[in-house]
């Protein structure tokens, strides 16, 4: 039932919005080349195949989530096996965001500050005092963590208290895995 529904939705999307929208609904790793005559699948291997007259078979599957599998061999029609959509699919986080977050965590001072903030909200001054750093230095590190989406800041009177964005920090491992395996 789930497979039939997915196929019906993909065919409807293809008819209403075209091949580009249909490909995007299969996976964020599949796009149409700018010239429109080639399908690009962002996988770890750098390989190419052609299907001039036979086309490409898209095969929905309930197995192998979250993997996208592309099979091709000379003389055979290429096959793209993709996981069917979940009941409420979330937009996968971009590789750029994952990279930004990992780079933010790679600095030992930012990691120490984040560990302190995991215990509760703190101001820049409190963090500077706790780690014997200058407030401008702490502020620069906190700005990097905020840009990466790992912190939130809230004003309380004259002070700004930073807290860890726990949902995004917790999801980082799964986001990294999804970015690598897409």
Protein backbone atom coordinates (compact mmCIF):
# COMPACT_ATOMS: atom_id res chain seq x y z
CA UNK A 1 0.00 0.00 0.00
CA UNK A 2 2.77 2.43 0.95
CA UNK A 3 4.71 1.68 -2.27
CA UNK A 4 1.64 2.17 -4.46
CA UNK A 5 0.88 5.49 -2.76
CA UNK A 6 4.47 6.66 -3.24
CA UNK A 7 4.44 5.74 -6.94
CA UNK A 8 1.12 7.49 -7.46
CA UNK A 9 2.43 10.64 -5.74
CA UNK A 10 5.64 10.65 -7.79
CA UNK A 11 3.75 10.18 -11.08
CA UNK A 12 1.34 12.96 -10.16
CA UNK A 13 4.22 15.26 -9.29
CA UNK A 14 5.94 14.41 -12.59
CA UNK A 15 2.80 15.32 -14.55
CA UNK A 16 2.05 18.53 -12.62
CA UNK A 17 5.50 20.00 -11.95
CA UNK A 18 7.90 18.17 -14.25
CA UNK A 19 10.96 15.96 -14.00
CA UNK A 20 12.98 18.27 -11.76
CA UNK A 21 10.36 18.30 -8.99
CA UNK A 22 9.83 14.54 -9.31
CA UNK A 23 13.57 13.89 -8.97
CA UNK A 24 13.82 16.20 -5.95
CA UNK A 25 11.01 14.29 -4.26
CA UNK A 26 12.93 11.01 -4.66
CA UNK A 27 16.03 12.28 -2.84
CA UNK A 28 17.95 15.46 -2.13
CA UNK A 29 20.93 13.69 -3.69
CA UNK A 30 19.28 13.58 -7.13
CA UNK A 31 19.11 16.64 -9.36
CA UNK A 32 18.63 17.45 -12.99
CA UNK A 33 21.68 18.92 -14.75
CA UNK A 34 21.31 22.61 -15.69
CA UNK A 35 20.99 21.70 -19.37
CA UNK A 36 18.19 19.27 -18.49
CA UNK A 37 19.56 16.26 -20.35
CA UNK A 38 21.33 14.49 -17.50
CA UNK A 39 20.38 13.22 -14.05
CA UNK A 40 23.05 13.78 -11.41
CA UNK A 41 23.19 11.55 -8.34
CA UNK A 42 25.45 12.88 -5.56
CA UNK A 43 27.13 9.74 -4.26
CA UNK A 44 30.65 8.97 -3.04
CA UNK A 45 31.80 7.36 -6.30
CA UNK A 46 32.55 9.35 -9.44
CA UNK A 47 30.99 7.26 -12.18
CA UNK A 48 28.69 7.90 -15.09
CA UNK A 49 26.27 5.83 -17.11
CA UNK A 50 24.00 6.53 -20.02
CA UNK A 51 20.49 5.40 -20.83
CA UNK A 52 19.75 7.00 -24.21
CA UNK A 53 16.83 4.82 -25.29
CA UNK A 54 16.06 2.56 -22.35
CA UNK A 55 15.57 5.27 -19.72
CA UNK A 56 16.11 4.92 -15.98
CA UNK A 57 14.06 2.80 -13.60
CA UNK A 58 13.18 4.38 -10.25
CA UNK A 59 12.39 1.70 -7.69
CA UNK A 60 10.79 2.71 -4.39
CA UNK A 61 11.74 0.53 -1.45
CA UNK A 62 10.84 0.18 2.21
CA UNK A 63 14.28 -1.35 2.81
CA UNK A 64 17.64 0.32 3.12
CA UNK A 65 16.54 3.63 4.60
CA UNK A 66 18.20 6.16 4.36
CA UNK A 67 20.31 4.85 1.47
CA UNK A 68 19.88 5.71 -2.15
CA UNK A 69 21.22 2.88 -4.32
CA UNK A 70 22.17 3.31 -7.96
CA UNK A 71 22.85 0.21 -10.02
CA UNK A 72 24.24 0.24 -13.51
CA UNK A 73 26.14 -2.11 -15.78
CA UNK A 74 27.03 -1.89 -19.48
CA UNK A 75 24.08 -2.92 -21.62
CA UNK A 76 21.56 -2.74 -18.77
CA UNK A 77 19.04 -0.09 -17.87
CA UNK A 78 20.21 2.01 -14.85
CA UNK A 79 18.16 1.53 -11.68
CA UNK A 80 17.78 4.00 -8.80
CA UNK A 81 16.44 2.40 -5.63
CA UNK A 82 15.20 5.02 -3.20
CA UNK A 83 13.53 4.87 0.22
CA UNK A 84 9.86 5.74 0.16
CA UNK A 85 8.81 8.88 1.94
CA UNK A 86 8.04 8.69 5.63
CA UNK A 87 4.75 9.89 7.03
CA UNK A 88 6.25 13.30 7.84
CA UNK A 89 9.58 13.62 6.06
CA UNK A 90 11.89 16.31 7.30
CA UNK A 91 14.09 18.26 4.94
CA UNK A 92 17.61 16.83 5.15
CA UNK A 93 20.17 19.22 6.52
CA UNK A 94 22.67 20.49 3.96
CA UNK A 95 26.25 19.31 3.83
CA UNK A 96 27.33 22.95 4.24
CA UNK A 97 25.46 23.21 7.55
CA UNK A 98 26.95 19.95 8.82
CA UNK A 99 30.42 21.17 7.83
CA UNK A 100 29.86 24.54 9.52
CA UNK A 101 28.77 22.83 12.75
CA UNK A 102 31.69 20.40 12.77
CA UNK A 103 34.16 23.23 12.14
CA UNK A 104 32.61 25.22 15.00
CA UNK A 105 33.05 22.25 17.34
CA UNK A 106 36.61 21.56 16.20
CA UNK A 107 38.06 24.48 18.20
CA UNK A 108 38.94 23.44 21.78
CA UNK A 109 37.82 26.75 23.33
CA UNK A 110 34.42 26.60 21.61
CA UNK A 111 34.00 23.02 22.73
CA UNK A 112 34.78 24.02 26.36
CA UNK A 113 32.32 26.91 26.17
CA UNK A 114 29.64 24.64 24.73
CA UNK A 115 30.19 22.09 27.49
CA UNK A 116 29.74 24.83 30.08
CA UNK A 117 26.61 26.08 28.34
CA UNK A 118 25.22 22.54 28.30
CA UNK A 119 24.94 22.83 32.10
CA UNK A 120 22.81 25.99 31.82
CA UNK A 121 22.55 29.48 30.32
CA UNK A 122 25.47 31.88 30.80
CA UNK A 123 26.41 35.40 29.77
CA UNK A 124 29.60 36.25 27.92
CA UNK A 125 31.02 37.77 31.10
CA UNK A 126 30.27 34.66 33.15
CA UNK A 127 31.96 32.44 30.57
CA UNK A 128 34.96 34.77 30.32
CA UNK A 129 35.39 34.70 34.10
CA UNK A 130 34.94 30.92 34.36
CA UNK A 131 37.55 30.19 31.68
CA UNK A 132 39.86 33.18 32.33
CA UNK A 133 39.37 34.54 28.82
CA UNK A 134 38.64 38.07 27.65
CA UNK A 135 34.97 38.91 26.99
CA UNK A 136 35.70 39.85 23.33
CA UNK A 137 37.39 36.47 22.77
CA UNK A 138 34.42 34.63 24.28
CA UNK A 139 32.04 36.77 22.22
CA UNK A 140 33.85 35.82 18.98
CA UNK A 141 33.66 32.11 19.84
CA UNK A 142 29.98 32.37 20.77
CA UNK A 143 29.26 34.11 17.46
CA UNK A 144 30.76 31.15 15.56
CA UNK A 145 28.63 28.72 17.56
CA UNK A 146 25.50 30.85 16.96
CA UNK A 147 26.15 31.04 13.19
CA UNK A 148 26.45 27.25 13.19
CA UNK A 149 23.04 27.03 14.85
CA UNK A 150 24.39 25.40 18.00
CA UNK A 151 23.48 28.24 20.39
CA UNK A 152 20.57 30.53 21.02
CA UNK A 153 20.81 33.89 22.73
CA UNK A 154 18.09 35.63 24.71
CA UNK A 155 18.15 39.09 26.20
CA UNK A 156 17.29 39.36 29.91
CA UNK A 157 17.41 43.02 30.87
CA UNK A 158 20.95 44.24 30.29
CA UNK A 159 22.35 40.76 29.78
CA UNK A 160 22.29 38.27 26.92
CA UNK A 161 22.22 34.67 28.08
CA UNK A 162 23.34 31.94 25.72
CA UNK A 163 21.99 28.41 25.79
CA UNK A 164 22.75 25.29 23.81
CA UNK A 165 20.43 24.53 20.91
CA UNK A 166 20.02 20.96 22.14
CA UNK A 167 17.82 19.57 19.34
CA UNK A 168 20.26 20.60 16.60
CA UNK A 169 23.31 19.55 18.62
CA UNK A 170 21.71 16.18 19.37
CA UNK A 171 20.82 15.67 15.70
CA UNK A 172 24.34 16.43 14.49
CA UNK A 173 25.43 12.79 14.46
CA UNK A 174 22.40 11.69 12.44
CA UNK A 175 22.76 14.73 10.15
CA UNK A 176 26.41 13.87 9.50
CA UNK A 177 25.53 10.26 8.76
CA UNK A 178 22.71 11.32 6.42
CA UNK A 179 25.02 13.72 4.58
CA UNK A 180 27.66 11.02 4.13
CA UNK A 181 25.24 8.31 3.04
CA UNK A 182 22.94 10.27 0.76
